[in-house]
PDB file of N, CA and C in Angstrom:
ATOM      1  N   MET A   1       0.843  -1.184   0.000  1.00  0.00           N
ATOM      2  CA  MET A   1       0.000   0.000   0.000  1.00  0.00           C
ATOM      3  C   MET A   1       0.889   1.249   0.000  1.00  0.00           C
ATOM      4  N   LYS A   2       0.689   2.116  -0.947  1.00  0.00           N
ATOM      5  CA  LYS A   2       1.453   3.361  -1.040  1.00  0.00           C
ATOM      6  C   LYS A   2       0.751   4.421  -0.200  1.00  0.00           C
ATOM      7  N   VAL A   3       1.485   5.011   0.722  1.00  0.00           N
ATOM      8  CA  VAL A   3       0.906   6.004   1.618  1.00  0.00           C
ATOM      9  C   VAL A   3       1.342   7.414   1.233  1.00  0.00           C
ATOM     10  N   LEU A   4       2.599   7.564   0.864  1.00  0.00           N
ATOM     11  CA  LEU A   4       3.162   8.892   0.612  1.00  0.00           C
ATOM     12  C   LEU A   4       2.983   9.338  -0.830  1.00  0.00           C
ATOM     13  N   GLU A   5       2.795  10.638  -0.994  1.00  0.00           N
ATOM     14  CA  GLU A   5       2.689  11.239  -2.325  1.00  0.00           C
ATOM     15  C   GLU A   5       4.009  11.841  -2.791  1.00  0.00           C
ATOM     16  N   GLN A   6       4.850  12.278  -1.858  1.00  0.00           N
ATOM     17  CA  GLN A   6       6.082  12.975  -2.228  1.00  0.00           C
ATOM     18  C   GLN A   6       7.034  12.064  -2.991  1.00  0.00           C
ATOM     19  N   GLU A   7       7.824  12.658  -3.872  1.00  0.00           N
ATOM     20  CA  GLU A   7       8.803  11.883  -4.637  1.00  0.00           C
ATOM     21  C   GLU A   7      10.049  11.604  -3.809  1.00  0.00           C
ATOM     22  N   SER A   8      10.455  12.557  -3.035  1.00  0.00           N
ATOM     23  CA  SER A   8      11.602  12.371  -2.147  1.00  0.00           C
ATOM     24  C   SER A   8      11.374  13.245  -0.929  1.00  0.00           C
ATOM     25  N   GLY A   9      12.164  13.014   0.068  1.00  0.00           N
ATOM     26  CA  GLY A   9      11.952  13.799   1.273  1.00  0.00           C
ATOM     27  C   GLY A   9      13.191  13.840   2.121  1.00  0.00           C
ATOM     28  N   GLY A  10      13.002  14.310   3.302  1.00  0.00           N
ATOM     29  CA  GLY A  10      14.092  14.447   4.246  1.00  0.00           C
ATOM     30  C   GLY A  10      13.526  15.029   5.517  1.00  0.00           C
ATOM     31  N   HIS A  11      14.205  15.954   6.075  1.00  0.00           N
ATOM     32  CA  HIS A  11      13.786  16.547   7.342  1.00  0.00           C
ATOM     33  C   HIS A  11      12.475  17.322   7.201  1.00  0.00           C
ATOM     34  N   ALA A  12      11.530  17.021   8.074  1.00  0.00           N
ATOM     35  CA  ALA A  12      10.229  17.701   8.131  1.00  0.00           C
ATOM     36  C   ALA A  12       9.450  17.565   6.815  1.00  0.00           C
ATOM     37  N   CYS A  13       9.551  16.404   6.189  1.00  0.00           N
ATOM     38  CA  CYS A  13       8.867  16.132   4.931  1.00  0.00           C
ATOM     39  C   CYS A  13       7.468  15.579   5.207  1.00  0.00           C
ATOM     40  N   GLU A  14       6.788  15.116   4.185  1.00  0.00           N
ATOM     41  CA  GLU A  14       5.458  14.530   4.334  1.00  0.00           C
ATOM     42  C   GLU A  14       5.470  13.371   5.321  1.00  0.00           C
ATOM     43  N   GLU A  15       6.472  12.502   5.217  1.00  0.00           N
ATOM     44  CA  GLU A  15       6.562  11.334   6.093  1.00  0.00           C
ATOM     45  C   GLU A  15       6.753  11.738   7.551  1.00  0.00           C
ATOM     46  N   GLU A  16       7.790  12.504   7.833  1.00  0.00           N
ATOM     47  CA  GLU A  16       8.077  12.887   9.217  1.00  0.00           C
ATOM     48  C   GLU A  16       6.946  13.722   9.819  1.00  0.00           C
ATOM     49  N   THR A  17       6.368  14.602   9.032  1.00  0.00           N
ATOM     50  CA  THR A  17       5.294  15.455   9.537  1.00  0.00           C
ATOM     51  C   THR A  17       4.037  14.639   9.817  1.00  0.00           C
ATOM     52  N   SER A  18       3.719  13.682   8.958  1.00  0.00           N
ATOM     53  CA  SER A  18       2.556  12.808   9.185  1.00  0.00           C
ATOM     54  C   SER A  18       2.738  11.983  10.460  1.00  0.00           C
ATOM     55  N   ILE A  19       3.922  11.439  10.650  1.00  0.00           N
ATOM     56  CA  ILE A  19       4.188  10.652  11.857  1.00  0.00           C
ATOM     57  C   ILE A  19       4.095  11.539  13.099  1.00  0.00           C
ATOM     58  N   ALA A  20       4.616  12.743  13.007  1.00  0.00           N
ATOM     59  CA  ALA A  20       4.530  13.681  14.135  1.00  0.00           C
ATOM     60  C   ALA A  20       3.072  13.992  14.470  1.00  0.00           C
ATOM     61  N   PHE A  21       2.241  14.221  13.457  1.00  0.00           N
ATOM     62  CA  PHE A  21       0.795  14.430  13.670  1.00  0.00           C
ATOM     63  C   PHE A  21       0.218  13.270  14.468  1.00  0.00           C
ATOM     64  N   TYR A  22       0.458  12.062  14.005  1.00  0.00           N
ATOM     65  CA  TYR A  22      -0.132  10.879  14.623  1.00  0.00           C
ATOM     66  C   TYR A  22       0.363  10.678  16.050  1.00  0.00           C
ATOM     67  N   LEU A  23       1.626  10.968  16.293  1.00  0.00           N
ATOM     68  CA  LEU A  23       2.199  10.772  17.622  1.00  0.00           C
ATOM     69  C   LEU A  23       1.904  11.937  18.570  1.00  0.00           C
ATOM     70  N   GLY A  24       1.130  12.902  18.106  1.00  0.00           N
ATOM     71  CA  GLY A  24       0.697  14.001  18.972  1.00  0.00           C
ATOM     72  C   GLY A  24       1.714  15.104  19.166  1.00  0.00           C
ATOM     73  N   GLN A  25       2.678  15.197  18.257  1.00  0.00           N
ATOM     74  CA  GLN A  25       3.663  16.264  18.342  1.00  0.00           C
ATOM     75  C   GLN A  25       3.054  17.581  17.857  1.00  0.00           C
ATOM     76  N   ARG A  26       3.626  18.661  18.275  1.00  0.00           N
ATOM     77  CA  ARG A  26       3.165  19.990  17.844  1.00  0.00           C
ATOM     78  C   ARG A  26       3.604  20.198  16.392  1.00  0.00           C
ATOM     79  N   VAL A  27       2.642  20.343  15.503  1.00  0.00           N
ATOM     80  CA  VAL A  27       2.919  20.544  14.081  1.00  0.00           C
ATOM     81  C   VAL A  27       2.234  21.834  13.638  1.00  0.00           C
ATOM     82  N   LEU A  28       3.012  22.762  13.132  1.00  0.00           N
ATOM     83  CA  LEU A  28       2.470  24.036  12.658  1.00  0.00           C
ATOM     84  C   LEU A  28       2.213  23.943  11.156  1.00  0.00           C
ATOM     85  N   ILE A  29       1.227  23.146  10.797  1.00  0.00           N
ATOM     86  CA  ILE A  29       0.976  22.871   9.375  1.00  0.00           C
ATOM     87  C   ILE A  29       0.568  24.126   8.611  1.00  0.00           C
ATOM     88  N   ASP A  30      -0.063  25.071   9.273  1.00  0.00           N
ATOM     89  CA  ASP A  30      -0.452  26.314   8.591  1.00  0.00           C
ATOM     90  C   ASP A  30       0.755  27.130   8.154  1.00  0.00           C
ATOM     91  N   GLU A  31       1.897  26.876   8.779  1.00  0.00           N
ATOM     92  CA  GLU A  31       3.123  27.582   8.427  1.00  0.00           C
ATOM     93  C   GLU A  31       4.046  26.745   7.536  1.00  0.00           C
ATOM     94  N   ALA A  32       3.632  25.522   7.233  1.00  0.00           N
ATOM     95  CA  ALA A  32       4.480  24.621   6.445  1.00  0.00           C
ATOM     96  C   ALA A  32       4.628  25.116   5.012  1.00  0.00           C
ATOM     97  N   GLU A  33       5.817  24.926   4.481  1.00  0.00           N
ATOM     98  CA  GLU A  33       6.104  25.241   3.083  1.00  0.00           C
ATOM     99  C   GLU A  33       6.800  24.039   2.470  1.00  0.00           C
ATOM    100  N   ASP A  34       6.516  23.784   1.228  1.00  0.00           N
ATOM    101  CA  ASP A  34       7.219  22.712   0.522  1.00  0.00           C
ATOM    102  C   ASP A  34       8.592  23.215   0.106  1.00  0.00           C
ATOM    103  N   TRP A  35       9.552  22.275   0.074  1.00  0.00           N
ATOM    104  CA  TRP A  35      10.914  22.628  -0.278  1.00  0.00           C
ATOM    105  C   TRP A  35      10.985  23.202  -1.683  1.00  0.00           C
ATOM    106  N   LYS A  36      11.812  24.169  -1.832  1.00  0.00           N
ATOM    107  CA  LYS A  36      12.156  24.718  -3.153  1.00  0.00           C
ATOM    108  C   LYS A  36      13.636  25.069  -3.116  1.00  0.00           C
ATOM    109  N   PRO A  37      14.283  25.098  -4.264  1.00  0.00           N
ATOM    110  CA  PRO A  37      15.714  25.394  -4.268  1.00  0.00           C
ATOM    111  C   PRO A  37      16.000  26.745  -3.610  1.00  0.00           C
ATOM    112  N   PRO A  38      17.046  26.833  -2.808  1.00  0.00           N
ATOM    113  CA  PRO A  38      17.414  28.107  -2.204  1.00  0.00           C
ATOM    114  C   PRO A  38      17.680  29.173  -3.264  1.00  0.00           C
ATOM    115  N   LYS A  39      17.415  30.406  -2.914  1.00  0.00           N
ATOM    116  CA  LYS A  39      17.619  31.525  -3.844  1.00  0.00           C
ATOM    117  C   LYS A  39      19.071  31.645  -4.291  1.00  0.00           C
ATOM    118  N   THR A  40      19.969  31.123  -3.477  1.00  0.00           N
ATOM    119  CA  THR A  40      21.397  31.224  -3.802  1.00  0.00           C
ATOM    120  C   THR A  40      21.847  30.186  -4.823  1.00  0.00           C
ATOM    121  N   TRP A  41      20.983  29.208  -5.138  1.00  0.00           N
ATOM    122  CA  TRP A  41      21.374  28.191  -6.105  1.00  0.00           C
ATOM    123  C   TRP A  41      21.489  28.802  -7.498  1.00  0.00           C
ATOM    124  N   THR A  42      22.459  28.316  -8.225  1.00  0.00           N
ATOM    125  CA  THR A  42      22.696  28.799  -9.583  1.00  0.00           C
ATOM    126  C   THR A  42      22.157  27.778 -10.590  1.00  0.00           C
ATOM    127  N   GLY A  43      22.241  28.100 -11.855  1.00  0.00           N
ATOM    128  CA  GLY A  43      21.864  27.160 -12.903  1.00  0.00           C
ATOM    129  C   GLY A  43      22.698  25.896 -12.830  1.00  0.00           C
ATOM    130  N   PHE A  44      23.948  26.043 -12.423  1.00  0.00           N
ATOM    131  CA  PHE A  44      24.849  24.897 -12.251  1.00  0.00           C
ATOM    132  C   PHE A  44      24.288  23.952 -11.197  1.00  0.00           C
ATOM    133  N   ASP A  45      23.859  24.511 -10.054  1.00  0.00           N
ATOM    134  CA  ASP A  45      23.274  23.688  -8.986  1.00  0.00           C
ATOM    135  C   ASP A  45      22.042  22.933  -9.492  1.00  0.00           C
ATOM    136  N   GLU A  46      21.190  23.625 -10.204  1.00  0.00           N
ATOM    137  CA  GLU A  46      19.964  23.011 -10.727  1.00  0.00           C
ATOM    138  C   GLU A  46      20.272  21.916 -11.748  1.00  0.00           C
ATOM    139  N   LYS A  47      21.243  22.193 -12.627  1.00  0.00           N
ATOM    140  CA  LYS A  47      21.584  21.244 -13.683  1.00  0.00           C
ATOM    141  C   LYS A  47      22.062  19.908 -13.117  1.00  0.00           C
ATOM    142  N   TYR A  48      22.846  19.944 -12.046  1.00  0.00           N
ATOM    143  CA  TYR A  48      23.445  18.721 -11.523  1.00  0.00           C
ATOM    144  C   TYR A  48      22.752  18.163 -10.280  1.00  0.00           C
ATOM    145  N   ARG A  49      21.670  18.794  -9.861  1.00  0.00           N
ATOM    146  CA  ARG A  49      20.906  18.283  -8.721  1.00  0.00           C
ATOM    147  C   ARG A  49      20.410  16.880  -9.055  1.00  0.00           C
ATOM    148  N   ARG A  50      20.553  15.957  -8.129  1.00  0.00           N
ATOM    149  CA  ARG A  50      20.164  14.548  -8.254  1.00  0.00           C
ATOM    150  C   ARG A  50      21.029  13.760  -9.235  1.00  0.00           C
ATOM    151  N   LYS A  51      22.055  14.377  -9.785  1.00  0.00           N
ATOM    152  CA  LYS A  51      22.982  13.665 -10.669  1.00  0.00           C
ATOM    153  C   LYS A  51      24.335  13.488  -9.991  1.00  0.00           C
ATOM    154  N   VAL A  52      24.786  14.525  -9.316  1.00  0.00           N
ATOM    155  CA  VAL A  52      26.069  14.505  -8.627  1.00  0.00           C
ATOM    156  C   VAL A  52      25.818  14.982  -7.198  1.00  0.00           C
ATOM    157  N   THR A  53      26.309  14.224  -6.245  1.00  0.00           N
ATOM    158  CA  THR A  53      26.112  14.587  -4.852  1.00  0.00           C
ATOM    159  C   THR A  53      27.395  15.127  -4.259  1.00  0.00           C
ATOM    160  N   VAL A  54      27.272  16.239  -3.577  1.00  0.00           N
ATOM    161  CA  VAL A  54      28.402  16.818  -2.860  1.00  0.00           C
ATOM    162  C   VAL A  54      27.937  17.151  -1.450  1.00  0.00           C
ATOM    163  N   ALA A  55      28.863  17.183  -0.534  1.00  0.00           N
ATOM    164  CA  ALA A  55      28.523  17.554   0.841  1.00  0.00           C
ATOM    165  C   ALA A  55      28.206  19.043   0.894  1.00  0.00           C
ATOM    166  N   ARG A  56      27.116  19.376   1.560  1.00  0.00           N
ATOM    167  CA  ARG A  56      26.723  20.776   1.733  1.00  0.00           C
ATOM    168  C   ARG A  56      26.258  20.969   3.163  1.00  0.00           C
ATOM    169  N   ASP A  57      26.380  22.174   3.656  1.00  0.00           N
ATOM    170  CA  ASP A  57      25.770  22.513   4.930  1.00  0.00           C
ATOM    171  C   ASP A  57      24.260  22.551   4.723  1.00  0.00           C
ATOM    172  N   PHE A  58      23.509  22.239   5.781  1.00  0.00           N
ATOM    173  CA  PHE A  58      22.045  22.158   5.669  1.00  0.00           C
ATOM    174  C   PHE A  58      21.444  23.465   5.158  1.00  0.00           C
ATOM    175  N   ASP A  59      21.988  24.592   5.590  1.00  0.00           N
ATOM    176  CA  ASP A  59      21.426  25.875   5.150  1.00  0.00           C
ATOM    177  C   ASP A  59      21.723  26.177   3.680  1.00  0.00           C
ATOM    178  N   GLU A  60      22.576  25.383   3.056  1.00  0.00           N
ATOM    179  CA  GLU A  60      22.811  25.532   1.617  1.00  0.00           C
ATOM    180  C   GLU A  60      21.798  24.726   0.804  1.00  0.00           C
ATOM    181  N   ILE A  61      21.055  23.855   1.472  1.00  0.00           N
ATOM    182  CA  ILE A  61      20.085  22.994   0.803  1.00  0.00           C
ATOM    183  C   ILE A  61      18.661  23.502   0.997  1.00  0.00           C
ATOM    184  N   THR A  62      18.407  24.136   2.128  1.00  0.00           N
ATOM    185  CA  THR A  62      17.063  24.615   2.428  1.00  0.00           C
ATOM    186  C   THR A  62      17.108  25.934   3.185  1.00  0.00           C
ATOM    187  N   GLU A  63      16.267  26.854   2.778  1.00  0.00           N
ATOM    188  CA  GLU A  63      16.143  28.130   3.489  1.00  0.00           C
ATOM    189  C   GLU A  63      15.037  28.060   4.544  1.00  0.00           C
ATOM    190  N   ILE A  64      14.167  27.053   4.445  1.00  0.00           N
ATOM    191  CA  ILE A  64      13.009  26.974   5.335  1.00  0.00           C
ATOM    192  C   ILE A  64      13.144  25.897   6.407  1.00  0.00           C
ATOM    193  N   GLY A  65      14.221  25.124   6.365  1.00  0.00           N
ATOM    194  CA  GLY A  65      14.462  24.118   7.391  1.00  0.00           C
ATOM    195  C   GLY A  65      13.850  22.761   7.115  1.00  0.00           C
ATOM    196  N   SER A  66      13.211  22.595   5.989  1.00  0.00           N
ATOM    197  CA  SER A  66      12.643  21.284   5.672  1.00  0.00           C
ATOM    198  C   SER A  66      13.057  20.858   4.270  1.00  0.00           C
ATOM    199  N   LEU A  67      12.933  19.553   4.046  1.00  0.00           N
ATOM    200  CA  LEU A  67      13.201  18.971   2.729  1.00  0.00           C
ATOM    201  C   LEU A  67      12.012  18.090   2.397  1.00  0.00           C
ATOM    202  N   GLY A  68      11.372  18.312   1.301  1.00  0.00           N
ATOM    203  CA  GLY A  68      10.220  17.493   0.932  1.00  0.00           C
ATOM    204  C   GLY A  68       8.945  18.303   0.887  1.00  0.00           C
ATOM    205  N   THR A  69       7.836  17.620   1.086  1.00  0.00           N
ATOM    206  CA  THR A  69       6.528  18.258   0.953  1.00  0.00           C
ATOM    207  C   THR A  69       5.670  18.065   2.213  1.00  0.00           C
ATOM    208  N   PRO A  70       5.965  18.820   3.272  1.00  0.00           N
ATOM    209  CA  PRO A  70       5.211  18.667   4.506  1.00  0.00           C
ATOM    210  C   PRO A  70       3.733  19.060   4.365  1.00  0.00           C
ATOM    211  N   THR A  71       3.396  19.837   3.353  1.00  0.00           N
ATOM    212  CA  THR A  71       2.003  20.256   3.178  1.00  0.00           C
ATOM    213  C   THR A  71       1.093  19.091   2.792  1.00  0.00           C
ATOM    214  N   LYS A  72       1.667  17.961   2.394  1.00  0.00           N
ATOM    215  CA  LYS A  72       0.877  16.773   2.049  1.00  0.00           C
ATOM    216  C   LYS A  72       0.692  15.843   3.250  1.00  0.00           C
ATOM    217  N   ALA A  73       1.189  16.248   4.401  1.00  0.00           N
ATOM    218  CA  ALA A  73       1.116  15.414   5.598  1.00  0.00           C
ATOM    219  C   ALA A  73      -0.308  15.313   6.124  1.00  0.00           C
ATOM    220  N   SER A  74      -0.590  14.178   6.778  1.00  0.00           N
ATOM    221  CA  SER A  74      -1.891  14.010   7.431  1.00  0.00           C
ATOM    222  C   SER A  74      -1.779  13.035   8.596  1.00  0.00           C
ATOM    223  N   TYR A  75      -2.710  13.158   9.516  1.00  0.00           N
ATOM    224  CA  TYR A  75      -2.802  12.247  10.656  1.00  0.00           C
ATOM    225  C   TYR A  75      -2.992  10.817  10.164  1.00  0.00           C
ATOM    226  N   LYS A  76      -3.865  10.653   9.175  1.00  0.00           N
ATOM    227  CA  LYS A  76      -4.177   9.314   8.661  1.00  0.00           C
ATOM    228  C   LYS A  76      -2.945   8.640   8.048  1.00  0.00           C
ATOM    229  N   LYS A  77      -2.140   9.387   7.324  1.00  0.00           N
ATOM    230  CA  LYS A  77      -0.901   8.828   6.755  1.00  0.00           C
ATOM    231  C   LYS A  77       0.052   8.422   7.873  1.00  0.00           C
ATOM    232  N   GLY A  78       0.177   9.259   8.886  1.00  0.00           N
ATOM    233  CA  GLY A  78       1.033   8.939  10.018  1.00  0.00           C
ATOM    234  C   GLY A  78       0.566   7.683  10.728  1.00  0.00           C
ATOM    235  N   GLU A  79      -0.737   7.568  10.914  1.00  0.00           N
ATOM    236  CA  GLU A  79      -1.300   6.377  11.555  1.00  0.00           C
ATOM    237  C   GLU A  79      -0.965   5.123  10.758  1.00  0.00           C
ATOM    238  N   ALA A  80      -1.135   5.177   9.454  1.00  0.00           N
ATOM    239  CA  ALA A  80      -0.862   4.012   8.607  1.00  0.00           C
ATOM    240  C   ALA A  80       0.605   3.600   8.702  1.00  0.00           C
ATOM    241  N   MET A  81       1.512   4.566   8.668  1.00  0.00           N
ATOM    242  CA  MET A  81       2.939   4.242   8.716  1.00  0.00           C
ATOM    243  C   MET A  81       3.355   3.702  10.075  1.00  0.00           C
ATOM    244  N   VAL A  82       2.904   4.337  11.142  1.00  0.00           N
ATOM    245  CA  VAL A  82       3.281   3.883  12.486  1.00  0.00           C
ATOM    246  C   VAL A  82       2.719   2.494  12.749  1.00  0.00           C
ATOM    247  N   GLU A  83       1.462   2.281  12.407  1.00  0.00           N
ATOM    248  CA  GLU A  83       0.856   0.969  12.639  1.00  0.00           C
ATOM    249  C   GLU A  83       1.574  -0.125  11.842  1.00  0.00           C
ATOM    250  N   ALA A  84       1.987   0.178  10.612  1.00  0.00           N
ATOM    251  CA  ALA A  84       2.704  -0.805   9.796  1.00  0.00           C
ATOM    252  C   ALA A  84       4.061  -1.154  10.419  1.00  0.00           C
ATOM    253  N   VAL A  85       4.765  -0.147  10.915  1.00  0.00           N
ATOM    254  CA  VAL A  85       6.068  -0.391  11.527  1.00  0.00           C
ATOM    255  C   VAL A  85       5.918  -1.181  12.824  1.00  0.00           C
ATOM    256  N   VAL A  86       4.945  -0.816  13.633  1.00  0.00           N
ATOM    257  CA  VAL A  86       4.718  -1.537  14.897  1.00  0.00           C
ATOM    258  C   VAL A  86       4.377  -2.992  14.608  1.00  0.00           C
ATOM    259  N   LYS A  87       3.549  -3.233  13.602  1.00  0.00           N
ATOM    260  CA  LYS A  87       3.179  -4.605  13.241  1.00  0.00           C
ATOM    261  C   LYS A  87       4.407  -5.406  12.804  1.00  0.00           C
ATOM    262  N   GLU A  88       5.251  -4.805  11.961  1.00  0.00           N
ATOM    263  CA  GLU A  88       6.444  -5.514  11.492  1.00  0.00           C
ATOM    264  C   GLU A  88       7.430  -5.788  12.621  1.00  0.00           C
ATOM    265  N   ILE A  89       7.594  -4.838  13.520  1.00  0.00           N
ATOM    266  CA  ILE A  89       8.503  -5.050  14.649  1.00  0.00           C
ATOM    267  C   ILE A  89       7.962  -6.150  15.551  1.00  0.00           C
ATOM    268  N   ALA A  90       6.651  -6.154  15.796  1.00  0.00           N
ATOM    269  CA  ALA A  90       6.044  -7.194  16.632  1.00  0.00           C
ATOM    270  C   ALA A  90       6.230  -8.573  15.997  1.00  0.00           C
ATOM    271  N   GLU A  91       6.040  -8.674  14.691  1.00  0.00           N
ATOM    272  CA  GLU A  91       6.237  -9.951  13.995  1.00  0.00           C
ATOM    273  C   GLU A  91       7.690 -10.399  14.087  1.00  0.00           C
ATOM    274  N   PHE A  92       8.605  -9.459  13.936  1.00  0.00           N
ATOM    275  CA  PHE A  92      10.027  -9.771  14.048  1.00  0.00           C
ATOM    276  C   PHE A  92      10.346 -10.330  15.430  1.00  0.00           C
ATOM    277  N   ILE A  93       9.832  -9.683  16.465  1.00  0.00           N
ATOM    278  CA  ILE A  93      10.099 -10.128  17.835  1.00  0.00           C
ATOM    279  C   ILE A  93       9.536 -11.533  18.058  1.00  0.00           C
ATOM    280  N   GLU A  94       8.339 -11.779  17.570  1.00  0.00           N
ATOM    281  CA  GLU A  94       7.749 -13.115  17.719  1.00  0.00           C
ATOM    282  C   GLU A  94       8.576 -14.162  16.980  1.00  0.00           C
ATOM    283  N   ASP A  95       9.011 -13.864  15.770  1.00  0.00           N
ATOM    284  CA  ASP A  95       9.852 -14.799  15.014  1.00  0.00           C
ATOM    285  C   ASP A  95      11.191 -15.016  15.704  1.00  0.00           C
ATOM    286  N   LEU A  96      11.733 -13.964  16.270  1.00  0.00           N
ATOM    287  CA  LEU A  96      13.005 -14.065  16.969  1.00  0.00           C
ATOM    288  C   LEU A  96      12.876 -14.964  18.200  1.00  0.00           C
ATOM    289  N   LYS A  97      11.774 -14.857  18.912  1.00  0.00           N
ATOM    290  CA  LYS A  97      11.569 -15.680  20.103  1.00  0.00           C
ATOM    291  C   LYS A  97      11.513 -17.167  19.770  1.00  0.00           C
ATOM    292  N   VAL A  98      10.904 -17.521  18.647  1.00  0.00           N
ATOM    293  CA  VAL A  98      10.761 -18.945  18.306  1.00  0.00           C
ATOM    294  C   VAL A  98      11.978 -19.484  17.556  1.00  0.00           C
ATOM    295  N   SER A  99      12.843 -18.616  17.069  1.00  0.00           N
ATOM    296  CA  SER A  99      13.986 -19.087  16.288  1.00  0.00           C
ATOM    297  C   SER A  99      15.149 -19.530  17.175  1.00  0.00           C
ATOM    298  N   LYS A 100      15.070 -19.337  18.457  1.00  0.00           N
ATOM    299  CA  LYS A 100      16.176 -19.721  19.355  1.00  0.00           C
ATOM    300  C   LYS A 100      16.124 -21.166  19.729  1.00  0.00           C
TER     301      LYS A 100
END
């Protein structure tokens, strides 16, 4: 089952924001902005984005502090992801107990 709409993400993206919603964290969704290239990026940066990776400071990648599309986040998406992870971890633990 596909839950996320975003193509890629990172800090404070659709995934992290949805999970935060579900876990009852304070989320300022009305102030959320989707990532866009920083104003300081040049045509060179745009041309080679996702083709060549170089180390950058976080503030060189985002001016707003997030990567991805937090505006697509929802409580329901967070619930689906957390419940799926909890189920898989529980199954792993049960399998681990019987494999000894």
